């Protein structure tokens, strides 16, 4: 009877604290990436965007480096990864083919050289002004225009054919 009571007490205790002992299959089957990002002189680069992509699934996680240039990507599933470190004004660095296994912590150091300046050209143009408020077509011919135009007999109909958009 005492034995049975002890077993019940153990079961009740363990069921009250399920997080205390992981059951089989619930182990910590993860790894982590960590490291630093520095410039060419070895100075820490804060606020660098570090992106990790699992190559088999396409899963993407992003972190930024702290004030000392450190980053940590914990609880990563085992697999093949690519890491990318980028910061405006610096060249982007990419590491591919990094295989992470259970319980492993891969420490990386990214050295970002100063990037090249890129010229940016902005082309702007203006459309010609079109009169959209008036629906009539019109043109004026002066006496000088009439005298200088090569028309036969200076007939009114031949002069009207010179007006753009007019159909007779």
N, C-alpha and C. Protein backbone atom coordinates (compact mmCIF):
# COMPACT_ATOMS: atom_id res chain seq x y z
N UNK A 1 0.81 -1.18 0.00
CA UNK A 1 0.00 0.00 0.00
C UNK A 1 0.86 1.25 0.00
N UNK A 2 1.90 1.24 0.78
CA UNK A 2 2.81 2.37 0.84
C UNK A 2 3.53 2.57 -0.50
N UNK A 3 3.84 1.48 -1.12
CA UNK A 3 4.50 1.52 -2.43
C UNK A 3 3.57 2.14 -3.46
N UNK A 4 2.35 1.76 -3.43
CA UNK A 4 1.35 2.30 -4.37
C UNK A 4 1.16 3.80 -4.14
N UNK A 5 1.11 4.23 -2.92
CA UNK A 5 0.96 5.63 -2.58
C UNK A 5 2.17 6.44 -3.04
N UNK A 6 3.35 5.89 -2.93
CA UNK A 6 4.58 6.57 -3.38
C UNK A 6 4.56 6.73 -4.90
N UNK A 7 4.10 5.70 -5.61
CA UNK A 7 4.03 5.79 -7.08
C UNK A 7 3.03 6.84 -7.52
N UNK A 8 1.89 6.91 -6.84
CA UNK A 8 0.89 7.92 -7.17
C UNK A 8 1.44 9.31 -6.91
N UNK A 9 2.17 9.47 -5.81
CA UNK A 9 2.75 10.77 -5.47
C UNK A 9 3.77 11.19 -6.53
N UNK A 10 4.58 10.29 -7.00
CA UNK A 10 5.57 10.59 -8.04
C UNK A 10 4.88 10.99 -9.34
N UNK A 11 3.84 10.26 -9.73
CA UNK A 11 3.11 10.57 -10.96
C UNK A 11 2.45 11.94 -10.86
N UNK A 12 1.84 12.25 -9.71
CA UNK A 12 1.20 13.54 -9.52
C UNK A 12 2.25 14.65 -9.56
N UNK A 13 3.40 14.43 -8.93
CA UNK A 13 4.46 15.44 -8.93
C UNK A 13 4.98 15.70 -10.34
N UNK A 14 5.23 14.64 -11.08
CA UNK A 14 5.77 14.81 -12.43
C UNK A 14 4.75 15.41 -13.39
N UNK A 15 3.46 15.12 -13.18
CA UNK A 15 2.45 15.70 -14.06
C UNK A 15 2.25 17.19 -13.76
N UNK A 16 2.56 17.60 -12.55
CA UNK A 16 2.43 19.02 -12.20
C UNK A 16 3.57 19.84 -12.80
N UNK A 17 4.70 19.24 -13.08
CA UNK A 17 5.87 19.92 -13.64
C UNK A 17 6.35 19.20 -14.90
N UNK A 18 5.58 19.28 -15.99
CA UNK A 18 5.96 18.53 -17.19
C UNK A 18 7.19 19.10 -17.88
N UNK A 19 7.52 20.36 -17.58
CA UNK A 19 8.67 20.97 -18.24
C UNK A 19 9.98 20.58 -17.57
N UNK A 20 9.92 19.96 -16.40
CA UNK A 20 11.14 19.67 -15.66
C UNK A 20 11.97 18.57 -16.32
N UNK A 21 11.32 17.55 -16.86
CA UNK A 21 12.04 16.44 -17.46
C UNK A 21 11.48 16.22 -18.86
N UNK A 22 12.26 16.45 -19.90
CA UNK A 22 11.74 16.25 -21.25
C UNK A 22 11.52 14.78 -21.53
N UNK A 23 10.39 14.47 -22.13
CA UNK A 23 10.10 13.10 -22.52
C UNK A 23 10.94 12.77 -23.75
N UNK A 24 11.07 11.49 -24.05
CA UNK A 24 11.85 11.13 -25.23
C UNK A 24 11.17 11.68 -26.47
N UNK A 25 11.96 12.19 -27.39
CA UNK A 25 11.40 12.83 -28.57
C UNK A 25 11.19 14.31 -28.39
N UNK A 26 11.29 14.80 -27.14
CA UNK A 26 11.13 16.22 -26.89
C UNK A 26 12.45 16.87 -26.49
N UNK A 27 13.55 16.21 -26.79
CA UNK A 27 14.85 16.75 -26.42
C UNK A 27 15.16 18.03 -27.16
N UNK A 28 16.28 18.58 -26.86
CA UNK A 28 16.69 19.84 -27.45
C UNK A 28 17.53 19.56 -28.69
N UNK A 29 16.85 19.25 -29.79
CA UNK A 29 17.51 18.87 -31.05
C UNK A 29 17.77 20.10 -31.90
N UNK A 30 18.51 21.05 -31.35
CA UNK A 30 18.79 22.28 -32.09
C UNK A 30 20.26 22.62 -31.97
N UNK A 31 20.66 23.60 -32.73
CA UNK A 31 22.01 24.14 -32.66
C UNK A 31 21.91 25.65 -32.72
N UNK A 32 23.05 26.31 -32.86
CA UNK A 32 23.02 27.78 -32.92
C UNK A 32 24.16 28.31 -33.77
N UNK A 33 23.91 29.48 -34.34
CA UNK A 33 24.95 30.26 -35.02
C UNK A 33 25.21 31.49 -34.17
N UNK A 34 26.47 31.83 -34.01
CA UNK A 34 26.82 33.06 -33.32
C UNK A 34 28.10 33.60 -33.92
N UNK A 35 28.44 34.82 -33.57
CA UNK A 35 29.67 35.37 -34.08
C UNK A 35 29.71 36.87 -34.00
N UNK A 36 30.66 37.45 -34.74
CA UNK A 36 30.85 38.88 -34.75
C UNK A 36 30.98 39.37 -36.18
N UNK A 37 30.68 40.65 -36.36
CA UNK A 37 30.86 41.31 -37.65
C UNK A 37 31.75 42.51 -37.42
N UNK A 38 32.85 42.56 -38.20
CA UNK A 38 33.83 43.63 -38.04
C UNK A 38 34.12 44.26 -39.39
N UNK A 39 34.74 45.45 -39.36
CA UNK A 39 35.18 46.08 -40.60
C UNK A 39 36.60 45.62 -40.90
N UNK A 40 37.23 46.18 -41.93
CA UNK A 40 38.57 45.74 -42.34
C UNK A 40 39.64 45.99 -41.28
N UNK A 41 39.44 46.99 -40.45
CA UNK A 41 40.42 47.27 -39.41
C UNK A 41 40.17 46.47 -38.13
N UNK A 42 39.11 45.67 -38.11
CA UNK A 42 38.80 44.86 -36.93
C UNK A 42 37.84 45.51 -35.97
N UNK A 43 37.33 46.69 -36.30
CA UNK A 43 36.38 47.38 -35.44
C UNK A 43 34.99 46.77 -35.55
N UNK A 44 34.31 46.71 -34.43
CA UNK A 44 32.97 46.12 -34.39
C UNK A 44 31.98 46.95 -35.21
N UNK A 45 31.09 46.26 -35.90
CA UNK A 45 30.05 46.93 -36.69
C UNK A 45 28.68 46.66 -36.07
N UNK A 46 28.08 47.65 -35.43
CA UNK A 46 26.74 47.46 -34.88
C UNK A 46 25.68 47.60 -35.97
N UNK A 47 24.51 47.09 -35.71
CA UNK A 47 23.33 47.19 -36.57
C UNK A 47 23.50 46.55 -37.94
N UNK A 48 24.33 45.53 -38.03
CA UNK A 48 24.48 44.77 -39.27
C UNK A 48 23.34 43.76 -39.32
N UNK A 49 22.70 43.63 -40.47
CA UNK A 49 21.62 42.66 -40.64
C UNK A 49 22.24 41.32 -41.01
N UNK A 50 22.01 40.31 -40.16
CA UNK A 50 22.50 38.95 -40.43
C UNK A 50 21.27 38.10 -40.73
N UNK A 51 21.26 37.52 -41.92
CA UNK A 51 20.13 36.71 -42.37
C UNK A 51 20.60 35.28 -42.55
N UNK A 52 19.89 34.35 -41.95
CA UNK A 52 20.21 32.93 -42.11
C UNK A 52 19.06 32.28 -42.88
N UNK A 53 19.43 31.46 -43.88
CA UNK A 53 18.44 30.77 -44.71
C UNK A 53 18.75 29.29 -44.69
N UNK A 54 17.75 28.49 -44.31
CA UNK A 54 17.93 27.04 -44.38
C UNK A 54 17.74 26.63 -45.83
N UNK A 55 18.78 26.05 -46.42
CA UNK A 55 18.78 25.79 -47.86
C UNK A 55 17.77 24.73 -48.28
N UNK A 56 17.47 23.77 -47.42
CA UNK A 56 16.52 22.72 -47.81
C UNK A 56 15.07 23.21 -47.78
N UNK A 57 14.74 24.05 -46.82
CA UNK A 57 13.34 24.47 -46.65
C UNK A 57 13.07 25.90 -47.07
N UNK A 58 14.10 26.73 -47.15
CA UNK A 58 13.90 28.13 -47.47
C UNK A 58 13.51 28.98 -46.27
N UNK A 59 13.51 28.42 -45.08
CA UNK A 59 13.19 29.15 -43.86
C UNK A 59 14.22 30.25 -43.63
N UNK A 60 13.75 31.47 -43.35
CA UNK A 60 14.65 32.62 -43.19
C UNK A 60 14.45 33.24 -41.81
N UNK A 61 15.56 33.53 -41.13
CA UNK A 61 15.54 34.28 -39.87
C UNK A 61 16.54 35.41 -39.96
N UNK A 62 16.21 36.53 -39.34
CA UNK A 62 17.07 37.71 -39.42
C UNK A 62 17.28 38.28 -38.02
N UNK A 63 18.53 38.67 -37.74
CA UNK A 63 18.88 39.36 -36.50
C UNK A 63 19.80 40.52 -36.86
N UNK A 64 19.97 41.44 -35.93
CA UNK A 64 20.94 42.52 -36.12
C UNK A 64 21.99 42.42 -35.02
N UNK A 65 23.18 42.88 -35.36
CA UNK A 65 24.27 42.82 -34.38
C UNK A 65 24.08 43.90 -33.31
N UNK A 66 24.61 43.61 -32.13
CA UNK A 66 24.50 44.58 -31.03
C UNK A 66 25.63 45.62 -31.13
N UNK A 67 25.83 46.41 -30.10
CA UNK A 67 26.83 47.48 -30.12
C UNK A 67 28.25 46.97 -30.27
N UNK A 68 28.50 45.73 -29.87
CA UNK A 68 29.85 45.16 -29.99
C UNK A 68 30.00 44.30 -31.24
N UNK A 69 29.01 44.33 -32.11
CA UNK A 69 29.09 43.58 -33.36
C UNK A 69 28.75 42.11 -33.24
N UNK A 70 28.18 41.68 -32.11
CA UNK A 70 27.85 40.27 -31.88
C UNK A 70 26.44 39.96 -32.32
N UNK A 71 26.25 38.72 -32.77
CA UNK A 71 24.92 38.21 -33.10
C UNK A 71 24.80 36.78 -32.62
N UNK A 72 23.56 36.37 -32.31
CA UNK A 72 23.27 35.00 -31.89
C UNK A 72 21.97 34.58 -32.55
N UNK A 73 21.99 33.42 -33.16
CA UNK A 73 20.79 32.80 -33.74
C UNK A 73 20.60 31.45 -33.05
N UNK A 74 19.87 31.43 -31.91
CA UNK A 74 19.70 30.18 -31.17
C UNK A 74 18.55 29.35 -31.73
N UNK A 75 18.47 28.12 -31.25
CA UNK A 75 17.36 27.19 -31.53
C UNK A 75 17.15 26.98 -33.03
N UNK A 76 18.25 26.72 -33.75
CA UNK A 76 18.16 26.44 -35.17
C UNK A 76 18.07 24.93 -35.38
N UNK A 77 17.20 24.52 -36.27
CA UNK A 77 17.06 23.09 -36.58
C UNK A 77 18.29 22.62 -37.35
N UNK A 78 18.68 21.38 -37.17
CA UNK A 78 19.83 20.87 -37.93
C UNK A 78 19.56 20.93 -39.43
N UNK A 79 20.60 21.20 -40.20
CA UNK A 79 20.45 21.26 -41.65
C UNK A 79 21.55 22.08 -42.29
N UNK A 80 21.37 22.34 -43.57
CA UNK A 80 22.32 23.09 -44.37
C UNK A 80 21.87 24.54 -44.46
N UNK A 81 22.76 25.50 -44.15
CA UNK A 81 22.39 26.91 -44.05
C UNK A 81 23.31 27.80 -44.87
N UNK A 82 22.78 28.99 -45.18
CA UNK A 82 23.56 30.07 -45.77
C UNK A 82 23.35 31.30 -44.90
N UNK A 83 24.43 32.00 -44.57
CA UNK A 83 24.35 33.22 -43.76
C UNK A 83 24.81 34.41 -44.59
N UNK A 84 24.12 35.54 -44.41
CA UNK A 84 24.40 36.75 -45.16
C UNK A 84 24.49 37.91 -44.17
N UNK A 85 25.58 38.70 -44.26
CA UNK A 85 25.77 39.87 -43.41
C UNK A 85 25.82 41.09 -44.32
N UNK A 86 24.95 42.09 -44.04
CA UNK A 86 24.91 43.27 -44.89
C UNK A 86 24.64 44.53 -44.07
N UNK A 87 25.31 45.60 -44.52
CA UNK A 87 25.16 46.91 -43.91
C UNK A 87 25.40 47.94 -45.00
N UNK A 88 24.58 48.97 -45.01
CA UNK A 88 24.71 50.02 -46.01
C UNK A 88 26.09 50.65 -45.95
N UNK A 89 26.73 50.80 -47.10
CA UNK A 89 28.07 51.37 -47.16
C UNK A 89 29.18 50.33 -47.12
N UNK A 90 28.81 49.06 -46.91
CA UNK A 90 29.78 47.97 -46.86
C UNK A 90 29.37 46.89 -47.85
N UNK A 91 30.36 46.10 -48.27
CA UNK A 91 30.06 45.00 -49.18
C UNK A 91 29.41 43.87 -48.40
N UNK A 92 28.42 43.24 -49.01
CA UNK A 92 27.71 42.13 -48.39
C UNK A 92 28.58 40.87 -48.42
N UNK A 93 28.59 40.13 -47.32
CA UNK A 93 29.32 38.87 -47.24
C UNK A 93 28.33 37.73 -47.09
N UNK A 94 28.57 36.64 -47.81
CA UNK A 94 27.68 35.47 -47.77
C UNK A 94 28.52 34.23 -47.52
N UNK A 95 28.04 33.38 -46.60
CA UNK A 95 28.66 32.08 -46.35
C UNK A 95 27.60 31.02 -46.64
N UNK A 96 27.92 30.09 -47.51
CA UNK A 96 26.97 29.04 -47.87
C UNK A 96 27.53 27.67 -47.49
N UNK A 97 26.65 26.69 -47.50
CA UNK A 97 27.07 25.31 -47.23
C UNK A 97 27.45 25.03 -45.80
N UNK A 98 26.89 25.75 -44.84
CA UNK A 98 27.19 25.52 -43.43
C UNK A 98 26.24 24.46 -42.88
N UNK A 99 26.80 23.30 -42.51
CA UNK A 99 25.97 22.22 -41.98
C UNK A 99 25.96 22.29 -40.47
N UNK A 100 24.74 22.44 -39.92
CA UNK A 100 24.54 22.52 -38.47
C UNK A 100 23.98 21.19 -38.00
N UNK A 101 24.59 20.62 -36.94
CA UNK A 101 24.11 19.36 -36.36
C UNK A 101 23.60 19.64 -34.95
N UNK A 102 22.93 18.65 -34.38
CA UNK A 102 22.32 18.79 -33.05
C UNK A 102 23.38 19.13 -32.01
N UNK A 103 23.08 20.17 -31.22
CA UNK A 103 23.96 20.55 -30.12
C UNK A 103 25.18 21.36 -30.53
N UNK A 104 25.33 21.65 -31.79
CA UNK A 104 26.50 22.38 -32.28
C UNK A 104 26.28 23.88 -32.23
N UNK A 105 27.32 24.61 -31.89
CA UNK A 105 27.30 26.07 -31.94
C UNK A 105 28.40 26.50 -32.91
N UNK A 106 28.00 27.01 -34.06
CA UNK A 106 28.96 27.45 -35.07
C UNK A 106 29.24 28.93 -34.85
N UNK A 107 30.51 29.26 -34.65
CA UNK A 107 30.92 30.64 -34.43
C UNK A 107 31.58 31.16 -35.71
N UNK A 108 31.06 32.29 -36.20
CA UNK A 108 31.55 32.87 -37.44
C UNK A 108 32.02 34.31 -37.21
N UNK A 109 32.97 34.74 -38.01
CA UNK A 109 33.39 36.14 -38.02
C UNK A 109 33.27 36.64 -39.45
N UNK A 110 32.44 37.67 -39.62
CA UNK A 110 32.28 38.31 -40.92
C UNK A 110 33.12 39.58 -40.93
N UNK A 111 33.93 39.75 -41.97
CA UNK A 111 34.69 40.98 -42.16
C UNK A 111 34.12 41.69 -43.38
N UNK A 112 33.51 42.85 -43.16
CA UNK A 112 32.87 43.58 -44.24
C UNK A 112 33.77 44.70 -44.73
N UNK A 113 34.28 44.59 -45.97
CA UNK A 113 35.06 45.71 -46.51
C UNK A 113 34.14 46.86 -46.90
N UNK A 114 34.72 48.05 -46.94
CA UNK A 114 33.95 49.23 -47.32
C UNK A 114 33.46 49.03 -48.75
N UNK A 115 32.20 49.35 -48.98
CA UNK A 115 31.60 49.16 -50.30
C UNK A 115 31.97 50.28 -51.25
N UNK A 116 31.73 50.03 -52.51
CA UNK A 116 31.98 51.05 -53.51
C UNK A 116 30.78 51.95 -53.63
N UNK A 117 31.02 53.18 -54.01
CA UNK A 117 29.92 54.12 -54.19
C UNK A 117 29.24 53.81 -55.51
N UNK A 118 27.95 53.82 -55.51
CA UNK A 118 27.18 53.56 -56.72
C UNK A 118 26.54 54.86 -57.18
N UNK A 119 26.69 55.13 -58.47
CA UNK A 119 26.04 56.31 -59.02
C UNK A 119 24.57 56.01 -59.22
N UNK A 120 23.77 56.97 -58.90
CA UNK A 120 22.35 56.82 -59.11
C UNK A 120 21.91 57.92 -60.06
N UNK A 121 21.31 57.49 -61.15
CA UNK A 121 20.83 58.44 -62.15
C UNK A 121 19.32 58.41 -62.13
N UNK A 122 18.73 59.57 -61.98
CA UNK A 122 17.28 59.68 -62.00
C UNK A 122 16.89 60.46 -63.23
N UNK A 123 16.05 59.84 -64.05
CA UNK A 123 15.60 60.49 -65.27
C UNK A 123 14.17 60.94 -65.05
N UNK A 124 13.96 62.22 -65.24
CA UNK A 124 12.61 62.75 -65.15
C UNK A 124 12.30 63.47 -66.45
N UNK A 125 11.10 63.43 -66.86
CA UNK A 125 10.69 64.10 -68.08
C UNK A 125 9.33 64.72 -67.89
N UNK A 126 9.06 65.68 -68.70
CA UNK A 126 7.77 66.33 -68.62
C UNK A 126 6.99 66.03 -69.88
N UNK A 127 5.74 65.72 -69.72
CA UNK A 127 4.87 65.48 -70.86
C UNK A 127 4.50 66.82 -71.48
N UNK A 128 4.33 66.85 -72.78
CA UNK A 128 3.93 68.12 -73.39
C UNK A 128 2.55 68.53 -72.90
N UNK A 129 2.36 69.82 -72.83
CA UNK A 129 1.08 70.33 -72.36
C UNK A 129 0.00 70.07 -73.40
N UNK A 130 -1.08 69.51 -72.98
CA UNK A 130 -2.21 69.22 -73.86
C UNK A 130 -3.42 69.94 -73.31
N UNK A 131 -4.10 70.60 -74.15
CA UNK A 131 -5.32 71.31 -73.75
C UNK A 131 -6.44 70.28 -73.62
N UNK A 132 -6.85 70.01 -72.40
CA UNK A 132 -7.89 69.02 -72.18
C UNK A 132 -9.24 69.65 -71.87
N UNK A 133 -9.27 70.95 -71.74
CA UNK A 133 -10.54 71.60 -71.40
C UNK A 133 -11.30 72.07 -72.62
N UNK A 134 -10.64 72.12 -73.78
CA UNK A 134 -11.29 72.62 -74.99
C UNK A 134 -11.45 71.48 -75.99
N UNK A 135 -12.62 71.33 -76.57
CA UNK A 135 -12.89 70.23 -77.50
C UNK A 135 -12.95 70.67 -78.95
N UNK A 136 -12.72 71.92 -79.22
CA UNK A 136 -12.81 72.41 -80.60
C UNK A 136 -11.42 72.51 -81.21
N UNK A 137 -11.38 72.29 -82.52
CA UNK A 137 -10.15 72.46 -83.26
C UNK A 137 -10.23 73.78 -83.99
N UNK A 138 -9.16 74.46 -84.06
CA UNK A 138 -9.21 75.73 -84.78
C UNK A 138 -7.82 76.16 -85.19
N UNK A 139 -7.81 77.03 -86.17
CA UNK A 139 -6.56 77.57 -86.65
C UNK A 139 -6.87 78.90 -87.34
N UNK A 140 -5.94 79.76 -87.30
CA UNK A 140 -6.12 81.06 -87.95
C UNK A 140 -5.07 81.21 -89.04
N UNK A 141 -5.51 81.67 -90.19
CA UNK A 141 -4.59 81.95 -91.30
C UNK A 141 -4.60 83.46 -91.53
N UNK A 142 -3.42 83.99 -91.57
CA UNK A 142 -3.31 85.42 -91.85
C UNK A 142 -3.22 85.65 -93.35
N UNK A 143 -3.31 86.88 -93.76
CA UNK A 143 -3.19 87.24 -95.17
C UNK A 143 -1.83 86.82 -95.71
N UNK A 144 -0.83 86.99 -94.93
CA UNK A 144 0.52 86.58 -95.35
C UNK A 144 0.59 85.09 -95.58
N UNK A 145 -0.06 84.26 -94.67
CA UNK A 145 -0.08 82.81 -94.84
C UNK A 145 -0.77 82.44 -96.15
N UNK A 146 -1.89 83.09 -96.43
CA UNK A 146 -2.65 82.77 -97.63
C UNK A 146 -1.83 83.11 -98.88
N UNK A 147 -1.12 84.20 -98.89
CA UNK A 147 -0.34 84.61 -100.06
C UNK A 147 0.89 83.74 -100.26
N UNK A 148 1.45 83.18 -99.17
CA UNK A 148 2.67 82.40 -99.30
C UNK A 148 2.42 80.90 -99.49
N UNK A 149 1.17 80.45 -99.33
CA UNK A 149 0.87 79.02 -99.50
C UNK A 149 0.75 78.68 -100.97
N UNK A 150 1.32 77.53 -101.35
CA UNK A 150 1.20 77.11 -102.75
C UNK A 150 -0.14 76.41 -102.99
N UNK A 151 -1.15 77.17 -103.27
CA UNK A 151 -2.48 76.60 -103.56
C UNK A 151 -2.89 76.98 -104.97
N UNK A 152 -3.77 76.18 -105.53
CA UNK A 152 -4.26 76.45 -106.88
C UNK A 152 -5.43 77.41 -106.81
N UNK A 153 -5.26 78.55 -107.33
CA UNK A 153 -6.34 79.51 -107.44
C UNK A 153 -6.79 80.11 -106.14
N UNK A 154 -6.15 79.83 -105.07
CA UNK A 154 -6.49 80.35 -103.76
C UNK A 154 -7.95 80.11 -103.40
N UNK A 155 -8.40 78.91 -103.64
CA UNK A 155 -9.77 78.52 -103.33
C UNK A 155 -9.91 78.29 -101.83
N UNK A 156 -11.08 78.58 -101.36
CA UNK A 156 -11.36 78.45 -99.93
C UNK A 156 -11.24 76.99 -99.47
N UNK A 157 -11.71 76.04 -100.27
CA UNK A 157 -11.67 74.62 -99.89
C UNK A 157 -10.23 74.14 -99.78
N UNK A 158 -9.36 74.54 -100.66
CA UNK A 158 -7.97 74.11 -100.58
C UNK A 158 -7.28 74.73 -99.36
N UNK A 159 -7.69 75.93 -98.96
CA UNK A 159 -7.13 76.53 -97.74
C UNK A 159 -7.61 75.79 -96.49
N UNK A 160 -8.84 75.31 -96.50
CA UNK A 160 -9.38 74.60 -95.34
C UNK A 160 -8.69 73.24 -95.16
N UNK A 161 -8.19 72.67 -96.24
CA UNK A 161 -7.49 71.38 -96.12
C UNK A 161 -6.13 71.54 -95.45
N UNK A 162 -5.65 72.75 -95.33
CA UNK A 162 -4.36 73.01 -94.68
C UNK A 162 -4.48 73.03 -93.15
N UNK A 163 -5.69 73.11 -92.63
CA UNK A 163 -5.91 73.18 -91.18
C UNK A 163 -5.77 71.76 -90.63
N UNK A 164 -4.90 71.53 -89.65
CA UNK A 164 -4.73 70.20 -89.08
C UNK A 164 -6.00 69.72 -88.38
N UNK A 165 -6.37 68.45 -88.59
CA UNK A 165 -7.52 67.85 -87.95
C UNK A 165 -8.84 68.15 -88.59
N UNK A 166 -8.85 68.92 -89.66
CA UNK A 166 -10.11 69.26 -90.33
C UNK A 166 -10.33 68.31 -91.47
N UNK A 167 -11.49 67.69 -91.50
CA UNK A 167 -11.85 66.77 -92.58
C UNK A 167 -13.03 67.35 -93.31
N UNK A 168 -12.89 67.48 -94.64
CA UNK A 168 -13.96 68.06 -95.42
C UNK A 168 -14.65 67.01 -96.25
